[in-house]
Amino acid sequence: MRILLSSRSERGDLRRLYLRAFREADELYIASAYLTEWDHRDKLGAQCKRAVFVAGTDFGLSRKSALREVLRWTPKREGFSVRAVKEKGFHPKIVAWRTTSRRHYCIVGSSNLSRAAFSGNLEANIFCSISAADYARICDWIENIETLPVTPEWIDFHYFEAKRTPGGGPPHTPVVRFSFLPNSQGCARSVLKRRKQLQVFRSAREPFRREMSRCAKKRSNLGDRNFWRFMWPEWKNWRFQGGAIQVSAKHARWWDACASLLRILRASAEAGLRAARLDRVVRDEIDRLARNKCPVRRAWLSEMLCHYFPDLYPVNNQPVRSWLAKNRYPSRRGVSEGRYYVELAQKLREIVREHRPAGARNLAELDAAIRHEA
């Protein structure tokens, strides 16, 4: 372990350790209470396969210019992400990384990621080697913080930075405004209709789950056909979307899709409906179905997730995607299908939390309002 105290002789040590992390990391996690500057010209090494950068945005202290610089610095491919934490009280300053030789290191202390932290401020930090288990705990802790994906559009149109003032506390960040919220009377009626559909599904939850379990265990064409014969007449009673799935998915490998949804349902019981932890399971299952080319991984699976978890997961459909694009809130490019869907869910959760369009209390009801406006 090495203790780094700001002094003339040690002033450059902290920066050199950051550069070492960028140079040798196979995997890198950074969490900072807020971000005021980012002027690192040194890129991540070619061997780095994953980097997660999480910055607090409470009170609007993070600067837009710094967030843009981090986006430019971060490779534009799957496994690399910049995320924003809107929750109050987010205050860590930590960097953890794993090398290709499976050594694990950590820097933790008082320094935020700013020029002042590396040069003029009085700072105290610790650099040390850590065990694989402690590294995994840090990664898991960061991954389980509920975040929003940072994109250029989010920075430009959906994040408000606080004005710099010479004294006093920072003002609270204002609620993000959307130009096109579905708030008409027709949208409100659609929300009430959707609410009734959710109630109808509640009585079908367990019978449906039992039938999915039978299908997943059989792993056969016969099981697929039996599940389809059970599902289609039932699904028509509470489905959110049209009947196009009858043509595109009648002969799908339903046992594979059912197995994914069952794994997500089991994970929800274990995670206690903690959104960030469940998001990772949902992402991995959708990506697995994408690799298997399962045709029901979008419309059907996302609708079933919306039925079982209306507060957490939306229907992945064109009206929702078009509405977000209209509000200058498009999804990141170059990410996997699972990551795309989870980030879509994270954005829509924020909208329901802050705006409740047409009285929508969850993502299923928000979907109904958006579809009415489409």
Protein backbone atom coordinates (compact mmCIF):
# COMPACT_ATOMS: atom_id res chain seq x y z
CA MET A 1 0.00 0.00 0.00
CA ARG A 2 1.17 3.50 -0.79
CA ILE A 3 -0.19 6.70 0.78
CA LEU A 4 -0.21 9.74 -1.53
CA LEU A 5 -0.27 13.11 0.23
CA SER A 6 -0.24 16.30 -1.81
CA SER A 7 3.19 17.87 -1.62
CA ARG A 8 5.69 19.35 -4.01
CA SER A 9 7.63 16.07 -4.22
CA GLU A 10 4.56 13.83 -4.73
CA ARG A 11 2.38 16.17 -6.79
CA GLY A 12 2.76 14.21 -10.03
CA ASP A 13 2.46 10.73 -8.49
CA LEU A 14 -1.32 10.56 -8.57
CA ARG A 15 -1.46 11.50 -12.23
CA ARG A 16 1.25 8.95 -13.07
CA LEU A 17 -0.80 6.23 -11.37
CA TYR A 18 -3.86 7.17 -13.42
CA LEU A 19 -1.78 6.93 -16.58
CA ARG A 20 -0.49 3.55 -15.41
CA ALA A 21 -4.08 2.36 -14.96
CA PHE A 22 -4.99 3.52 -18.48
CA ARG A 23 -1.89 1.89 -19.94
CA GLU A 24 -2.08 -1.56 -18.34
CA ALA A 25 -5.78 -2.14 -17.59
CA ASP A 26 -7.55 -5.09 -19.10
CA GLU A 27 -10.67 -3.86 -17.29
CA LEU A 28 -11.20 -0.48 -15.64
CA TYR A 29 -13.82 1.05 -13.34
CA ILE A 30 -13.91 4.74 -12.39
CA ALA A 31 -16.43 6.35 -10.05
CA SER A 32 -16.25 10.06 -9.28
CA ALA A 33 -18.62 12.17 -7.19
CA TYR A 34 -18.64 14.76 -9.96
CA LEU A 35 -16.57 15.69 -12.98
CA THR A 36 -15.36 19.22 -13.60
CA GLU A 37 -12.44 18.58 -15.98
CA TRP A 38 -11.03 15.78 -18.08
CA ASP A 39 -7.85 16.50 -20.00
CA HIS A 40 -6.26 13.04 -20.23
CA ARG A 41 -4.69 12.73 -23.64
CA ASP A 42 -3.42 9.23 -22.92
CA LYS A 43 -5.81 6.67 -24.38
CA LEU A 44 -6.64 3.30 -22.92
CA GLY A 45 -4.30 0.51 -23.94
CA ALA A 46 -5.30 -1.70 -26.87
CA GLN A 47 -5.61 -4.66 -24.49
CA CYS A 48 -8.46 -3.00 -22.53
CA LYS A 49 -11.71 -4.85 -23.14
CA ARG A 50 -14.00 -3.05 -20.70
CA ALA A 51 -14.17 0.37 -19.06
CA VAL A 52 -17.01 1.82 -17.01
CA PHE A 53 -16.93 5.50 -16.04
CA VAL A 54 -19.59 6.63 -13.54
CA ALA A 55 -19.95 10.31 -12.60
CA GLY A 56 -22.34 12.01 -10.23
CA THR A 57 -24.62 14.73 -11.60
CA ASP A 58 -26.40 15.73 -8.40
CA PHE A 59 -26.79 19.53 -8.11
CA GLY A 60 -25.40 19.92 -11.65
CA LEU A 61 -21.78 20.13 -10.43
CA SER A 62 -20.39 18.01 -13.28
CA ARG A 63 -19.54 20.20 -16.25
CA LYS A 64 -20.87 19.52 -19.72
CA SER A 65 -17.47 20.17 -21.28
CA ALA A 66 -15.86 17.53 -19.04
CA LEU A 67 -18.55 14.96 -19.86
CA ARG A 68 -18.02 15.59 -23.57
CA GLU A 69 -14.27 15.09 -23.16
CA VAL A 70 -14.81 11.74 -21.41
CA LEU A 71 -17.09 10.62 -24.25
CA ARG A 72 -14.41 11.53 -26.77
CA TRP A 73 -11.83 9.67 -24.67
CA THR A 74 -13.94 6.51 -24.31
CA PRO A 75 -13.76 3.91 -27.14
CA LYS A 76 -17.01 3.66 -29.12
CA ARG A 77 -17.68 -0.06 -28.82
CA GLU A 78 -19.45 -2.58 -26.64
CA GLY A 79 -17.95 -2.92 -23.17
CA PHE A 80 -17.14 0.78 -22.78
CA SER A 81 -19.64 3.17 -21.23
CA VAL A 82 -19.98 6.54 -19.52
CA ARG A 83 -22.86 6.72 -17.05
CA ALA A 84 -24.50 9.42 -14.98
CA VAL A 85 -25.78 9.03 -11.42
CA LYS A 86 -28.65 11.36 -10.57
CA GLU A 87 -29.16 9.99 -7.06
CA LYS A 88 -28.32 12.33 -4.20
CA GLY A 89 -25.43 11.45 -1.95
CA PHE A 90 -23.21 9.80 -4.57
CA HIS A 91 -19.74 10.77 -3.36
CA PRO A 92 -17.02 8.19 -4.16
CA LYS A 93 -13.62 8.83 -5.70
CA ILE A 94 -12.24 5.48 -6.78
CA VAL A 95 -10.39 3.85 -9.65
CA ALA A 96 -10.03 0.07 -9.81
CA TRP A 97 -8.45 -1.97 -12.56
CA ARG A 98 -7.36 -5.45 -13.55
CA THR A 99 -4.30 -6.14 -15.66
CA THR A 100 -3.82 -8.81 -18.32
CA SER A 101 -1.73 -10.77 -15.78
CA ARG A 102 -4.78 -10.77 -13.45
CA ARG A 103 -3.31 -8.37 -10.89
CA HIS A 104 -5.79 -5.98 -9.28
CA TYR A 105 -5.20 -2.40 -8.12
CA CYS A 106 -7.15 0.44 -6.61
CA ILE A 107 -6.79 4.18 -6.02
CA VAL A 108 -9.19 5.65 -3.47
CA GLY A 109 -9.16 8.93 -1.58
CA SER A 110 -10.26 12.55 -1.62
CA SER A 111 -9.38 13.50 -5.20
CA ASN A 112 -12.11 14.23 -7.69
CA LEU A 113 -11.07 14.02 -11.32
CA SER A 114 -9.95 17.60 -11.88
CA ARG A 115 -6.79 19.51 -12.70
CA ALA A 116 -6.77 20.97 -9.19
CA ALA A 117 -6.79 17.48 -7.65
CA PHE A 118 -3.62 16.61 -9.55
CA SER A 119 -1.81 19.88 -8.95
CA GLY A 120 -2.92 22.46 -6.39
CA ASN A 121 -5.39 20.96 -3.91
CA LEU A 122 -4.53 19.42 -0.56
CA GLU A 123 -5.43 15.77 -1.23
CA ALA A 124 -4.89 12.41 0.41
CA ASN A 125 -5.18 9.13 -1.50
CA ILE A 126 -4.20 5.49 -1.21
CA PHE A 127 -2.87 3.26 -3.97
CA CYS A 128 -2.70 -0.46 -3.30
CA SER A 129 -2.87 -3.93 -4.73
CA ILE A 130 -6.15 -5.63 -3.87
CA SER A 131 -7.46 -9.19 -4.02
CA ALA A 132 -9.59 -10.51 -6.87
CA ALA A 133 -12.49 -10.79 -4.42
CA ASP A 134 -12.23 -7.13 -3.35
CA TYR A 135 -11.92 -6.04 -6.97
CA ALA A 136 -15.07 -8.01 -7.79
CA ARG A 137 -16.88 -6.30 -4.87
CA ILE A 138 -15.92 -2.86 -6.21
CA CYS A 139 -17.07 -3.74 -9.74
CA ASP A 140 -20.31 -5.21 -8.49
CA TRP A 141 -20.97 -2.16 -6.31
CA ILE A 142 -20.46 0.23 -9.24
CA GLU A 143 -22.51 -1.92 -11.61
CA ASN A 144 -25.41 -1.97 -9.15
CA ILE A 145 -25.72 1.81 -8.94
CA GLU A 146 -28.72 2.95 -10.97
CA THR A 147 -27.44 5.14 -13.78
CA LEU A 148 -28.32 6.76 -17.09
CA PRO A 149 -26.24 6.40 -20.25
CA VAL A 150 -24.34 9.58 -21.12
CA THR A 151 -24.67 10.52 -24.79
CA PRO A 152 -24.01 13.80 -26.65
CA GLU A 153 -27.79 14.37 -26.89
CA TRP A 154 -28.26 13.77 -23.16
CA ILE A 155 -25.52 16.30 -22.37
CA ASP A 156 -26.88 18.92 -24.79
CA PHE A 157 -30.62 18.64 -24.11
CA HIS A 158 -31.26 16.71 -20.89
CA TYR A 159 -28.57 17.72 -18.41
CA PHE A 160 -28.46 21.08 -16.63
CA GLU A 161 -25.22 22.14 -15.05
CA ALA A 162 -25.30 24.52 -12.10
CA LYS A 163 -24.11 28.07 -12.56
CA ARG A 164 -20.77 28.73 -10.94
CA THR A 165 -21.27 31.05 -7.97
CA PRO A 166 -18.59 32.64 -5.78
CA GLY A 167 -20.24 31.55 -2.54
CA GLY A 168 -23.04 29.49 -1.08
CA GLY A 169 -24.20 25.98 -1.89
CA PRO A 170 -24.93 24.85 -5.41
CA PRO A 171 -28.52 25.09 -6.64
CA HIS A 172 -30.51 21.93 -7.10
CA THR A 173 -30.50 20.67 -10.68
CA PRO A 174 -33.85 21.52 -12.33
CA VAL A 175 -36.07 18.76 -13.65
CA VAL A 176 -35.28 17.86 -17.25
CA ARG A 177 -37.85 19.30 -19.65
CA PHE A 178 -39.24 17.34 -22.60
CA SER A 179 -40.69 19.24 -25.54
CA PHE A 180 -43.13 16.52 -26.58
CA LEU A 181 -44.81 14.87 -23.60
CA PRO A 182 -47.92 12.76 -24.31
CA ASN A 183 -50.34 14.60 -22.04
CA SER A 184 -53.57 14.82 -24.04
CA GLN A 185 -56.92 13.54 -22.81
CA GLY A 186 -56.68 10.72 -25.33
CA CYS A 187 -53.34 9.71 -23.82
CA ALA A 188 -54.87 9.71 -20.34
CA ARG A 189 -57.68 7.42 -21.54
CA SER A 190 -55.09 5.08 -23.08
CA VAL A 191 -53.25 5.00 -19.76
CA LEU A 192 -56.43 3.95 -17.93
CA LYS A 193 -57.09 1.24 -20.52
CA ARG A 194 -53.53 -0.06 -20.12
CA ARG A 195 -54.00 -0.11 -16.35
CA LYS A 196 -56.93 -2.49 -16.80
CA GLN A 197 -54.83 -4.74 -19.08
CA LEU A 198 -52.22 -5.01 -16.36
CA GLN A 199 -54.91 -6.03 -13.90
CA VAL A 200 -56.16 -8.75 -16.26
CA PHE A 201 -52.64 -10.14 -16.57
CA ARG A 202 -52.18 -10.43 -12.79
CA SER A 203 -54.58 -13.38 -12.68
CA ALA A 204 -52.70 -15.07 -15.53
CA ARG A 205 -49.17 -14.59 -14.14
CA GLU A 206 -48.74 -17.91 -12.39
CA PRO A 207 -50.54 -20.17 -14.95
CA PHE A 208 -48.44 -18.53 -17.64
CA ARG A 209 -45.26 -19.10 -15.66
CA ARG A 210 -46.10 -22.78 -15.15
CA GLU A 211 -46.66 -23.25 -18.87
CA MET A 212 -43.36 -21.51 -19.66
CA SER A 213 -41.63 -23.86 -17.25
CA ARG A 214 -43.09 -26.92 -19.02
CA CYS A 215 -41.98 -25.57 -22.39
CA ALA A 216 -38.45 -24.75 -21.19
CA LYS A 217 -37.98 -28.23 -19.71
CA LYS A 218 -39.08 -30.08 -22.85
CA ARG A 219 -36.67 -28.21 -25.18
CA SER A 220 -38.45 -29.71 -28.21
CA ASN A 221 -40.65 -28.80 -31.17
CA LEU A 222 -43.55 -30.48 -29.42
CA GLY A 223 -43.06 -28.28 -26.37
CA ASP A 224 -42.90 -25.21 -28.63
CA ARG A 225 -46.17 -26.11 -30.37
CA ASN A 226 -47.93 -26.85 -27.08
CA PHE A 227 -46.79 -23.54 -25.63
CA TRP A 228 -47.96 -21.66 -28.74
CA ARG A 229 -51.41 -23.28 -28.55
CA PHE A 230 -51.64 -22.25 -24.90
CA MET A 231 -50.16 -18.77 -25.29
CA TRP A 232 -51.91 -17.34 -28.34
CA PRO A 233 -55.52 -17.35 -27.10
CA GLU A 234 -54.38 -16.25 -23.63
CA TRP A 235 -52.04 -13.52 -24.83
CA LYS A 236 -54.75 -11.91 -26.95
CA ASN A 237 -56.64 -11.05 -23.74
CA TRP A 238 -53.95 -8.74 -22.35
CA ARG A 239 -51.37 -8.08 -25.06
CA PHE A 240 -50.19 -4.51 -25.65
CA GLN A 241 -49.26 -4.87 -29.33
CA GLY A 242 -50.82 -6.10 -32.55
CA GLY A 243 -51.00 -9.65 -33.88
CA ALA A 244 -47.98 -9.57 -36.21
CA ILE A 245 -46.21 -12.02 -33.92
CA GLN A 246 -48.64 -14.72 -35.08
CA VAL A 247 -46.80 -14.84 -38.42
CA SER A 248 -43.23 -14.05 -37.40
CA ALA A 249 -42.94 -16.22 -34.28
CA LYS A 250 -45.38 -19.10 -34.58
CA HIS A 251 -42.54 -21.55 -35.24
CA ALA A 252 -39.94 -19.95 -32.95
CA ARG A 253 -37.88 -21.87 -30.42
CA TRP A 254 -40.18 -20.90 -27.60
CA TRP A 255 -38.39 -23.06 -25.06
CA ASP A 256 -35.32 -20.83 -25.44
CA ALA A 257 -37.29 -17.60 -24.93
CA CYS A 258 -39.22 -19.11 -22.01
CA ALA A 259 -35.98 -20.22 -20.36
CA SER A 260 -34.64 -16.66 -20.56
CA LEU A 261 -37.75 -15.12 -19.05
CA LEU A 262 -37.79 -17.72 -16.26
CA ARG A 263 -34.14 -16.96 -15.43
CA ILE A 264 -35.01 -13.26 -15.21
CA LEU A 265 -37.99 -14.00 -12.94
CA ARG A 266 -35.80 -16.13 -10.65
CA ALA A 267 -33.15 -13.42 -10.60
CA SER A 268 -35.76 -10.83 -9.60
CA ALA A 269 -36.64 -12.88 -6.52
CA GLU A 270 -32.96 -13.18 -5.58
CA ALA A 271 -32.15 -9.52 -6.29
CA GLY A 272 -35.22 -8.25 -4.48
CA LEU A 273 -36.19 -6.19 -7.55
CA ARG A 274 -33.05 -4.06 -7.35
CA ALA A 275 -33.13 -2.49 -10.78
CA ALA A 276 -29.40 -2.28 -11.50
CA ARG A 277 -28.73 -5.90 -10.53
CA LEU A 278 -31.70 -7.18 -12.54
CA ASP A 279 -30.67 -5.04 -15.52
CA ARG A 280 -27.50 -7.09 -15.89
CA VAL A 281 -29.47 -10.34 -16.05
CA VAL A 282 -31.92 -8.90 -18.60
CA ARG A 283 -29.07 -7.58 -20.74
CA ASP A 284 -27.25 -10.92 -20.73
CA GLU A 285 -30.38 -12.93 -21.56
CA ILE A 286 -31.34 -10.70 -24.50
CA ASP A 287 -27.79 -10.87 -25.83
CA ARG A 288 -27.85 -14.66 -25.49
CA LEU A 289 -31.12 -14.87 -27.44
CA ALA A 290 -29.65 -12.52 -30.07
CA ARG A 291 -26.69 -14.87 -30.54
CA ASN A 292 -29.16 -17.75 -30.89
CA LYS A 293 -31.19 -15.70 -33.40
CA CYS A 294 -34.40 -16.19 -31.44
CA PRO A 295 -37.06 -14.09 -33.27
CA VAL A 296 -39.17 -13.30 -30.18
CA ARG A 297 -36.41 -11.61 -28.18
CA ARG A 298 -37.72 -8.11 -28.96
CA ALA A 299 -41.50 -7.77 -29.25
CA TRP A 300 -42.63 -10.75 -27.19
CA LEU A 301 -39.92 -10.83 -24.52
CA SER A 302 -39.97 -7.08 -23.94
CA GLU A 303 -43.76 -7.13 -23.62
CA MET A 304 -43.62 -9.99 -21.13
CA LEU A 305 -40.98 -8.13 -19.12
CA CYS A 306 -43.27 -5.10 -19.18
CA HIS A 307 -46.14 -7.25 -17.84
CA TYR A 308 -44.09 -8.84 -15.06
CA PHE A 309 -42.09 -5.68 -14.22
CA PRO A 310 -44.15 -2.66 -15.38
CA ASP A 311 -42.09 -0.30 -13.19
CA LEU A 312 -38.78 -1.44 -14.67
CA TYR A 313 -39.03 -2.58 -18.29
CA PRO A 314 -40.76 -1.15 -21.38
CA VAL A 315 -42.06 -2.64 -24.59
CA ASN A 316 -39.32 -2.29 -27.21
CA ASN A 317 -41.31 -0.85 -30.09
CA GLN A 318 -40.99 1.74 -32.83
CA PRO A 319 -43.39 4.35 -31.32
CA VAL A 320 -41.25 4.55 -28.17
CA ARG A 321 -37.99 4.78 -30.13
CA SER A 322 -39.42 7.46 -32.43
CA TRP A 323 -40.75 9.47 -29.48
CA LEU A 324 -37.37 9.47 -27.75
CA ALA A 325 -35.65 10.54 -30.98
CA LYS A 326 -38.21 13.34 -31.35
CA ASN A 327 -37.25 14.51 -27.86
CA ARG A 328 -33.55 14.38 -28.79
CA TYR A 329 -32.96 11.42 -26.52
CA PRO A 330 -31.84 8.64 -28.89
CA SER A 331 -30.02 5.51 -27.78
CA ARG A 332 -26.29 4.96 -27.99
CA ARG A 333 -24.96 3.38 -31.14
CA GLY A 334 -22.66 0.40 -31.27
CA VAL A 335 -24.05 -1.39 -28.20
CA SER A 336 -25.47 -4.89 -27.97
CA GLU A 337 -29.23 -5.54 -28.12
CA GLY A 338 -29.31 -6.27 -24.41
CA ARG A 339 -27.46 -3.08 -23.50
CA TYR A 340 -29.69 -1.09 -25.86
CA TYR A 341 -32.85 -2.38 -24.17
CA VAL A 342 -31.57 -1.79 -20.62
CA GLU A 343 -30.54 1.78 -21.45
CA LEU A 344 -33.96 2.34 -23.03
CA ALA A 345 -35.53 1.19 -19.75
CA GLN A 346 -33.28 3.47 -17.68
CA LYS A 347 -34.30 6.53 -19.71
CA LEU A 348 -38.00 5.78 -19.52
CA ARG A 349 -37.82 5.19 -15.76
CA GLU A 350 -36.39 8.68 -15.36
CA ILE A 351 -39.20 10.17 -17.47
CA VAL A 352 -41.92 8.48 -15.41
CA ARG A 353 -40.20 9.51 -12.17
CA GLU A 354 -39.88 13.16 -13.12
CA HIS A 355 -42.91 13.81 -15.34
CA ARG A 356 -45.61 11.10 -15.09
CA PRO A 357 -47.04 11.94 -18.55
CA ALA A 358 -50.84 11.59 -18.77
CA GLY A 359 -50.77 10.27 -15.19
CA ALA A 360 -48.64 7.25 -16.15
CA ARG A 361 -47.36 5.50 -13.02
CA ASN A 362 -45.07 3.01 -14.74
CA LEU A 363 -43.43 2.14 -18.06
CA ALA A 364 -46.36 0.07 -19.29
CA GLU A 365 -48.71 3.02 -18.88
CA LEU A 366 -46.17 5.41 -20.43
CA ASP A 367 -46.03 3.09 -23.46
CA ALA A 368 -49.81 3.40 -23.87
CA ALA A 369 -49.62 7.21 -23.81
CA ILE A 370 -46.79 7.26 -26.36
CA ARG A 371 -48.55 4.80 -28.67
CA HIS A 372 -51.69 6.96 -28.62
CA GLU A 373 -49.65 9.94 -29.84
CA ALA A 374 -47.82 7.93 -32.53
